[in-house]
Amino acid sequence: MTVQTTFLPREEFIASKPLEERIAHVKANPLKYASKPQHDHNKNMEDKVNQILAKFTDLKTQVDLLVAKK
């Protein structure tokens, strides 16, 4: 099951802006309009990066504690 953010019906989106502005909006927000497989890939990569950063943060904390003990 996916979480859907706020949804603007297609007809309202088309009526709200001219074609050039809609194209520019979609190009400026590529992650918002990504396909489901691309969205899943981006989410997995973000999770992996967060895990790696958490490990580095833990290691930095341990090093700081060791330095403080000296």
PDB file of N, CA and C in Angstrom:
ATOM      1  N   MET A   1       0.839  -1.177   0.000  1.00  0.00           N
ATOM      2  CA  MET A   1       0.000   0.000   0.000  1.00  0.00           C
ATOM      3  C   MET A   1       0.884   1.241   0.000  1.00  0.00           C
ATOM      4  N   THR A   2       0.557   2.198  -0.828  1.00  0.00           N
ATOM      5  CA  THR A   2       1.348   3.414  -0.904  1.00  0.00           C
ATOM      6  C   THR A   2       0.606   4.555  -0.222  1.00  0.00           C
ATOM      7  N   VAL A   3       1.379   5.527   0.227  1.00  0.00           N
ATOM      8  CA  VAL A   3       0.802   6.713   0.840  1.00  0.00           C
ATOM      9  C   VAL A   3       0.688   7.774  -0.234  1.00  0.00           C
ATOM     10  N   GLN A   4      -0.525   8.263  -0.432  1.00  0.00           N
ATOM     11  CA  GLN A   4      -0.727   9.287  -1.456  1.00  0.00           C
ATOM     12  C   GLN A   4      -0.807  10.643  -0.791  1.00  0.00           C
ATOM     13  N   THR A   5      -0.017  11.571  -1.297  1.00  0.00           N
ATOM     14  CA  THR A   5      -0.058  12.926  -0.774  1.00  0.00           C
ATOM     15  C   THR A   5      -1.276  13.631  -1.361  1.00  0.00           C
ATOM     16  N   THR A   6      -1.380  14.911  -1.089  1.00  0.00           N
ATOM     17  CA  THR A   6      -2.533  15.649  -1.591  1.00  0.00           C
ATOM     18  C   THR A   6      -2.629  15.487  -3.103  1.00  0.00           C
ATOM     19  N   PHE A   7      -3.815  15.408  -3.583  1.00  0.00           N
ATOM     20  CA  PHE A   7      -4.064  15.103  -4.993  1.00  0.00           C
ATOM     21  C   PHE A   7      -4.859  16.230  -5.619  1.00  0.00           C
ATOM     22  N   LEU A   8      -4.363  16.732  -6.728  1.00  0.00           N
ATOM     23  CA  LEU A   8      -5.070  17.742  -7.503  1.00  0.00           C
ATOM     24  C   LEU A   8      -5.612  17.058  -8.746  1.00  0.00           C
ATOM     25  N   PRO A   9      -6.920  17.019  -8.908  1.00  0.00           N
ATOM     26  CA  PRO A   9      -7.470  16.359 -10.095  1.00  0.00           C
ATOM     27  C   PRO A   9      -6.881  16.928 -11.382  1.00  0.00           C
ATOM     28  N   ARG A  10      -6.724  16.065 -12.358  1.00  0.00           N
ATOM     29  CA  ARG A  10      -6.085  16.436 -13.622  1.00  0.00           C
ATOM     30  C   ARG A  10      -6.763  17.639 -14.275  1.00  0.00           C
ATOM     31  N   GLU A  11      -8.071  17.665 -14.249  1.00  0.00           N
ATOM     32  CA  GLU A  11      -8.800  18.756 -14.895  1.00  0.00           C
ATOM     33  C   GLU A  11      -8.489  20.098 -14.224  1.00  0.00           C
ATOM     34  N   GLU A  12      -8.403  20.079 -12.890  1.00  0.00           N
ATOM     35  CA  GLU A  12      -8.092  21.317 -12.175  1.00  0.00           C
ATOM     36  C   GLU A  12      -6.654  21.748 -12.438  1.00  0.00           C
ATOM     37  N   PHE A  13      -5.749  20.777 -12.512  1.00  0.00           N
ATOM     38  CA  PHE A  13      -4.350  21.093 -12.787  1.00  0.00           C
ATOM     39  C   PHE A  13      -4.217  21.716 -14.172  1.00  0.00           C
ATOM     40  N   ILE A  14      -4.889  21.146 -15.142  1.00  0.00           N
ATOM     41  CA  ILE A  14      -4.824  21.662 -16.513  1.00  0.00           C
ATOM     42  C   ILE A  14      -5.437  23.055 -16.583  1.00  0.00           C
ATOM     43  N   ALA A  15      -6.547  23.254 -15.878  1.00  0.00           N
ATOM     44  CA  ALA A  15      -7.222  24.546 -15.931  1.00  0.00           C
ATOM     45  C   ALA A  15      -6.470  25.612 -15.140  1.00  0.00           C
ATOM     46  N   SER A  16      -5.630  25.190 -14.186  1.00  0.00           N
ATOM     47  CA  SER A  16      -4.994  26.163 -13.304  1.00  0.00           C
ATOM     48  C   SER A  16      -3.831  26.905 -13.955  1.00  0.00           C
ATOM     49  N   LYS A  17      -3.148  26.282 -14.920  1.00  0.00           N
ATOM     50  CA  LYS A  17      -1.960  26.900 -15.507  1.00  0.00           C
ATOM     51  C   LYS A  17      -1.897  26.617 -17.002  1.00  0.00           C
ATOM     52  N   PRO A  18      -1.219  27.493 -17.751  1.00  0.00           N
ATOM     53  CA  PRO A  18      -1.008  27.204 -19.171  1.00  0.00           C
ATOM     54  C   PRO A  18      -0.009  26.048 -19.330  1.00  0.00           C
ATOM     55  N   LEU A  19       0.041  25.469 -20.501  1.00  0.00           N
ATOM     56  CA  LEU A  19       0.862  24.299 -20.777  1.00  0.00           C
ATOM     57  C   LEU A  19       2.327  24.514 -20.406  1.00  0.00           C
ATOM     58  N   GLU A  20       2.899  25.643 -20.748  1.00  0.00           N
ATOM     59  CA  GLU A  20       4.315  25.896 -20.467  1.00  0.00           C
ATOM     60  C   GLU A  20       4.590  25.887 -18.971  1.00  0.00           C
ATOM     61  N   GLU A  21       3.688  26.475 -18.186  1.00  0.00           N
ATOM     62  CA  GLU A  21       3.871  26.498 -16.738  1.00  0.00           C
ATOM     63  C   GLU A  21       3.728  25.100 -16.141  1.00  0.00           C
ATOM     64  N   ARG A  22       2.795  24.299 -16.673  1.00  0.00           N
ATOM     65  CA  ARG A  22       2.627  22.925 -16.176  1.00  0.00           C
ATOM     66  C   ARG A  22       3.883  22.109 -16.458  1.00  0.00           C
ATOM     67  N   ILE A  23       4.433  22.252 -17.666  1.00  0.00           N
ATOM     68  CA  ILE A  23       5.654  21.521 -18.027  1.00  0.00           C
ATOM     69  C   ILE A  23       6.797  21.944 -17.105  1.00  0.00           C
ATOM     70  N   ALA A  24       6.938  23.235 -16.882  1.00  0.00           N
ATOM     71  CA  ALA A  24       8.002  23.731 -16.007  1.00  0.00           C
ATOM     72  C   ALA A  24       7.820  23.214 -14.580  1.00  0.00           C
ATOM     73  N   HIS A  25       6.574  23.149 -14.116  1.00  0.00           N
ATOM     74  CA  HIS A  25       6.292  22.658 -12.759  1.00  0.00           C
ATOM     75  C   HIS A  25       6.676  21.188 -12.623  1.00  0.00           C
ATOM     76  N   VAL A  26       6.331  20.383 -13.594  1.00  0.00           N
ATOM     77  CA  VAL A  26       6.657  18.954 -13.545  1.00  0.00           C
ATOM     78  C   VAL A  26       8.170  18.755 -13.619  1.00  0.00           C
ATOM     79  N   LYS A  27       8.853  19.514 -14.462  1.00  0.00           N
ATOM     80  CA  LYS A  27      10.312  19.398 -14.559  1.00  0.00           C
ATOM     81  C   LYS A  27      10.999  19.870 -13.286  1.00  0.00           C
ATOM     82  N   ALA A  28      10.419  20.843 -12.604  1.00  0.00           N
ATOM     83  CA  ALA A  28      11.005  21.357 -11.368  1.00  0.00           C
ATOM     84  C   ALA A  28      10.777  20.404 -10.191  1.00  0.00           C
ATOM     85  N   ASN A  29       9.810  19.501 -10.287  1.00  0.00           N
ATOM     86  CA  ASN A  29       9.483  18.567  -9.217  1.00  0.00           C
ATOM     87  C   ASN A  29       9.493  17.128  -9.721  1.00  0.00           C
ATOM     88  N   PRO A  30      10.644  16.640 -10.189  1.00  0.00           N
ATOM     89  CA  PRO A  30      10.661  15.305 -10.805  1.00  0.00           C
ATOM     90  C   PRO A  30      10.320  14.180  -9.827  1.00  0.00           C
ATOM     91  N   LEU A  31      10.674  14.321  -8.564  1.00  0.00           N
ATOM     92  CA  LEU A  31      10.394  13.252  -7.599  1.00  0.00           C
ATOM     93  C   LEU A  31       8.907  13.137  -7.298  1.00  0.00           C
ATOM     94  N   LYS A  32       8.206  14.244  -7.371  1.00  0.00           N
ATOM     95  CA  LYS A  32       6.767  14.238  -7.104  1.00  0.00           C
ATOM     96  C   LYS A  32       6.002  13.496  -8.197  1.00  0.00           C
ATOM     97  N   TYR A  33       6.518  13.517  -9.413  1.00  0.00           N
ATOM     98  CA  TYR A  33       5.823  12.911 -10.541  1.00  0.00           C
ATOM     99  C   TYR A  33       6.533  11.662 -11.059  1.00  0.00           C
ATOM    100  N   ALA A  34       7.359  11.050 -10.219  1.00  0.00           N
ATOM    101  CA  ALA A  34       8.076   9.840 -10.617  1.00  0.00           C
ATOM    102  C   ALA A  34       7.113   8.660 -10.691  1.00  0.00           C
ATOM    103  N   SER A  35       7.457   7.695 -11.529  1.00  0.00           N
ATOM    104  CA  SER A  35       6.651   6.482 -11.620  1.00  0.00           C
ATOM    105  C   SER A  35       6.826   5.665 -10.339  1.00  0.00           C
ATOM    106  N   LYS A  36       5.953   4.709 -10.107  1.00  0.00           N
ATOM    107  CA  LYS A  36       5.992   3.895  -8.892  1.00  0.00           C
ATOM    108  C   LYS A  36       7.330   3.169  -8.736  1.00  0.00           C
ATOM    109  N   PRO A  37       7.855   2.496  -9.774  1.00  0.00           N
ATOM    110  CA  PRO A  37       9.156   1.846  -9.603  1.00  0.00           C
ATOM    111  C   PRO A  37      10.272   2.839  -9.275  1.00  0.00           C
ATOM    112  N   GLN A  38      10.248   4.006  -9.914  1.00  0.00           N
ATOM    113  CA  GLN A  38      11.275   5.013  -9.627  1.00  0.00           C
ATOM    114  C   GLN A  38      11.128   5.539  -8.214  1.00  0.00           C
ATOM    115  N   HIS A  39       9.891   5.744  -7.773  1.00  0.00           N
ATOM    116  CA  HIS A  39       9.641   6.208  -6.408  1.00  0.00           C
ATOM    117  C   HIS A  39      10.163   5.184  -5.391  1.00  0.00           C
ATOM    118  N   ASP A  40       9.887   3.905  -5.628  1.00  0.00           N
ATOM    119  CA  ASP A  40      10.358   2.850  -4.725  1.00  0.00           C
ATOM    120  C   ASP A  40      11.879   2.807  -4.688  1.00  0.00           C
ATOM    121  N   HIS A  41      12.507   2.945  -5.851  1.00  0.00           N
ATOM    122  CA  HIS A  41      13.973   2.953  -5.915  1.00  0.00           C
ATOM    123  C   HIS A  41      14.539   4.141  -5.131  1.00  0.00           C
ATOM    124  N   ASN A  42      13.964   5.315  -5.331  1.00  0.00           N
ATOM    125  CA  ASN A  42      14.428   6.505  -4.622  1.00  0.00           C
ATOM    126  C   ASN A  42      14.280   6.335  -3.109  1.00  0.00           C
ATOM    127  N   LYS A  43      13.161   5.757  -2.694  1.00  0.00           N
ATOM    128  CA  LYS A  43      12.910   5.537  -1.265  1.00  0.00           C
ATOM    129  C   LYS A  43      13.924   4.556  -0.685  1.00  0.00           C
ATOM    130  N   ASN A  44      14.216   3.460  -1.412  1.00  0.00           N
ATOM    131  CA  ASN A  44      15.200   2.485  -0.942  1.00  0.00           C
ATOM    132  C   ASN A  44      16.578   3.119  -0.822  1.00  0.00           C
ATOM    133  N   MET A  45      16.961   3.920  -1.796  1.00  0.00           N
ATOM    134  CA  MET A  45      18.263   4.569  -1.756  1.00  0.00           C
ATOM    135  C   MET A  45      18.341   5.565  -0.600  1.00  0.00           C
ATOM    136  N   GLU A  46      17.274   6.278  -0.357  1.00  0.00           N
ATOM    137  CA  GLU A  46      17.240   7.229   0.756  1.00  0.00           C
ATOM    138  C   GLU A  46      17.388   6.496   2.088  1.00  0.00           C
ATOM    139  N   ASP A  47      16.709   5.354   2.220  1.00  0.00           N
ATOM    140  CA  ASP A  47      16.817   4.554   3.438  1.00  0.00           C
ATOM    141  C   ASP A  47      18.239   4.050   3.650  1.00  0.00           C
ATOM    142  N   LYS A  48      18.883   3.590   2.584  1.00  0.00           N
ATOM    143  CA  LYS A  48      20.264   3.106   2.689  1.00  0.00           C
ATOM    144  C   LYS A  48      21.211   4.226   3.091  1.00  0.00           C
ATOM    145  N   VAL A  49      21.046   5.397   2.505  1.00  0.00           N
ATOM    146  CA  VAL A  49      21.898   6.539   2.846  1.00  0.00           C
ATOM    147  C   VAL A  49      21.699   6.911   4.311  1.00  0.00           C
ATOM    148  N   ASN A  50      20.462   6.902   4.773  1.00  0.00           N
ATOM    149  CA  ASN A  50      20.192   7.229   6.179  1.00  0.00           C
ATOM    150  C   ASN A  50      20.821   6.208   7.121  1.00  0.00           C
ATOM    151  N   GLN A  51      20.812   4.923   6.746  1.00  0.00           N
ATOM    152  CA  GLN A  51      21.447   3.895   7.565  1.00  0.00           C
ATOM    153  C   GLN A  51      22.956   4.124   7.643  1.00  0.00           C
ATOM    154  N   ILE A  52      23.575   4.448   6.517  1.00  0.00           N
ATOM    155  CA  ILE A  52      25.018   4.691   6.493  1.00  0.00           C
ATOM    156  C   ILE A  52      25.359   5.922   7.334  1.00  0.00           C
ATOM    157  N   LEU A  53      24.582   6.978   7.191  1.00  0.00           N
ATOM    158  CA  LEU A  53      24.838   8.183   7.986  1.00  0.00           C
ATOM    159  C   LEU A  53      24.667   7.915   9.478  1.00  0.00           C
ATOM    160  N   ALA A  54      23.708   7.088   9.835  1.00  0.00           N
ATOM    161  CA  ALA A  54      23.508   6.740  11.241  1.00  0.00           C
ATOM    162  C   ALA A  54      24.723   5.991  11.787  1.00  0.00           C
ATOM    163  N   LYS A  55      25.305   5.088  10.991  1.00  0.00           N
ATOM    164  CA  LYS A  55      26.504   4.368  11.421  1.00  0.00           C
ATOM    165  C   LYS A  55      27.662   5.327  11.633  1.00  0.00           C
ATOM    166  N   PHE A  56      27.861   6.261  10.711  1.00  0.00           N
ATOM    167  CA  PHE A  56      28.938   7.234  10.861  1.00  0.00           C
ATOM    168  C   PHE A  56      28.717   8.110  12.091  1.00  0.00           C
ATOM    169  N   THR A  57      27.492   8.472  12.356  1.00  0.00           N
ATOM    170  CA  THR A  57      27.185   9.287  13.522  1.00  0.00           C
ATOM    171  C   THR A  57      27.511   8.519  14.799  1.00  0.00           C
ATOM    172  N   ASP A  58      27.147   7.228  14.837  1.00  0.00           N
ATOM    173  CA  ASP A  58      27.466   6.398  16.000  1.00  0.00           C
ATOM    174  C   ASP A  58      28.972   6.283  16.191  1.00  0.00           C
ATOM    175  N   LEU A  59      29.707   6.074  15.108  1.00  0.00           N
ATOM    176  CA  LEU A  59      31.158   5.959  15.196  1.00  0.00           C
ATOM    177  C   LEU A  59      31.784   7.269  15.667  1.00  0.00           C
ATOM    178  N   LYS A  60      31.283   8.394  15.174  1.00  0.00           N
ATOM    179  CA  LYS A  60      31.804   9.692  15.586  1.00  0.00           C
ATOM    180  C   LYS A  60      31.554   9.901  17.072  1.00  0.00           C
ATOM    181  N   THR A  61      30.390   9.502  17.561  1.00  0.00           N
ATOM    182  CA  THR A  61      30.082   9.631  18.981  1.00  0.00           C
ATOM    183  C   THR A  61      31.037   8.785  19.810  1.00  0.00           C
ATOM    184  N   GLN A  62      31.315   7.569  19.365  1.00  0.00           N
ATOM    185  CA  GLN A  62      32.233   6.696  20.086  1.00  0.00           C
ATOM    186  C   GLN A  62      33.642   7.287  20.106  1.00  0.00           C
ATOM    187  N   VAL A  63      34.093   7.828  18.992  1.00  0.00           N
ATOM    188  CA  VAL A  63      35.419   8.447  18.929  1.00  0.00           C
ATOM    189  C   VAL A  63      35.472   9.654  19.854  1.00  0.00           C
ATOM    190  N   ASP A  64      34.428  10.459  19.843  1.00  0.00           N
ATOM    191  CA  ASP A  64      34.380  11.638  20.725  1.00  0.00           C
ATOM    192  C   ASP A  64      34.465  11.223  22.188  1.00  0.00           C
ATOM    193  N   LEU A  65      33.782  10.148  22.560  1.00  0.00           N
ATOM    194  CA  LEU A  65      33.828   9.659  23.936  1.00  0.00           C
ATOM    195  C   LEU A  65      35.231   9.177  24.300  1.00  0.00           C
ATOM    196  N   LEU A  66      35.882   8.485  23.375  1.00  0.00           N
ATOM    197  CA  LEU A  66      37.243   8.005  23.625  1.00  0.00           C
ATOM    198  C   LEU A  66      38.219   9.182  23.772  1.00  0.00           C
ATOM    199  N   VAL A  67      38.075  10.178  22.948  1.00  0.00           N
ATOM    200  CA  VAL A  67      38.939  11.360  23.025  1.00  0.00           C
ATOM    201  C   VAL A  67      38.690  12.088  24.337  1.00  0.00           C
ATOM    202  N   ALA A  68      37.442  12.168  24.774  1.00  0.00           N
ATOM    203  CA  ALA A  68      37.105  12.871  26.007  1.00  0.00           C
ATOM    204  C   ALA A  68      37.672  12.149  27.224  1.00  0.00           C
ATOM    205  N   LYS A  69      37.823  10.835  27.163  1.00  0.00           N
ATOM    206  CA  LYS A  69      38.352  10.069  28.296  1.00  0.00           C
ATOM    207  C   LYS A  69      39.844  10.308  28.503  1.00  0.00           C
ATOM    208  N   LYS A  70      40.563  10.696  27.463  1.00  0.00           N
ATOM    209  CA  LYS A  70      42.015  10.905  27.571  1.00  0.00           C
ATOM    210  C   LYS A  70      42.383  12.088  28.366  1.00  0.00           C
TER     211      LYS A  70
END
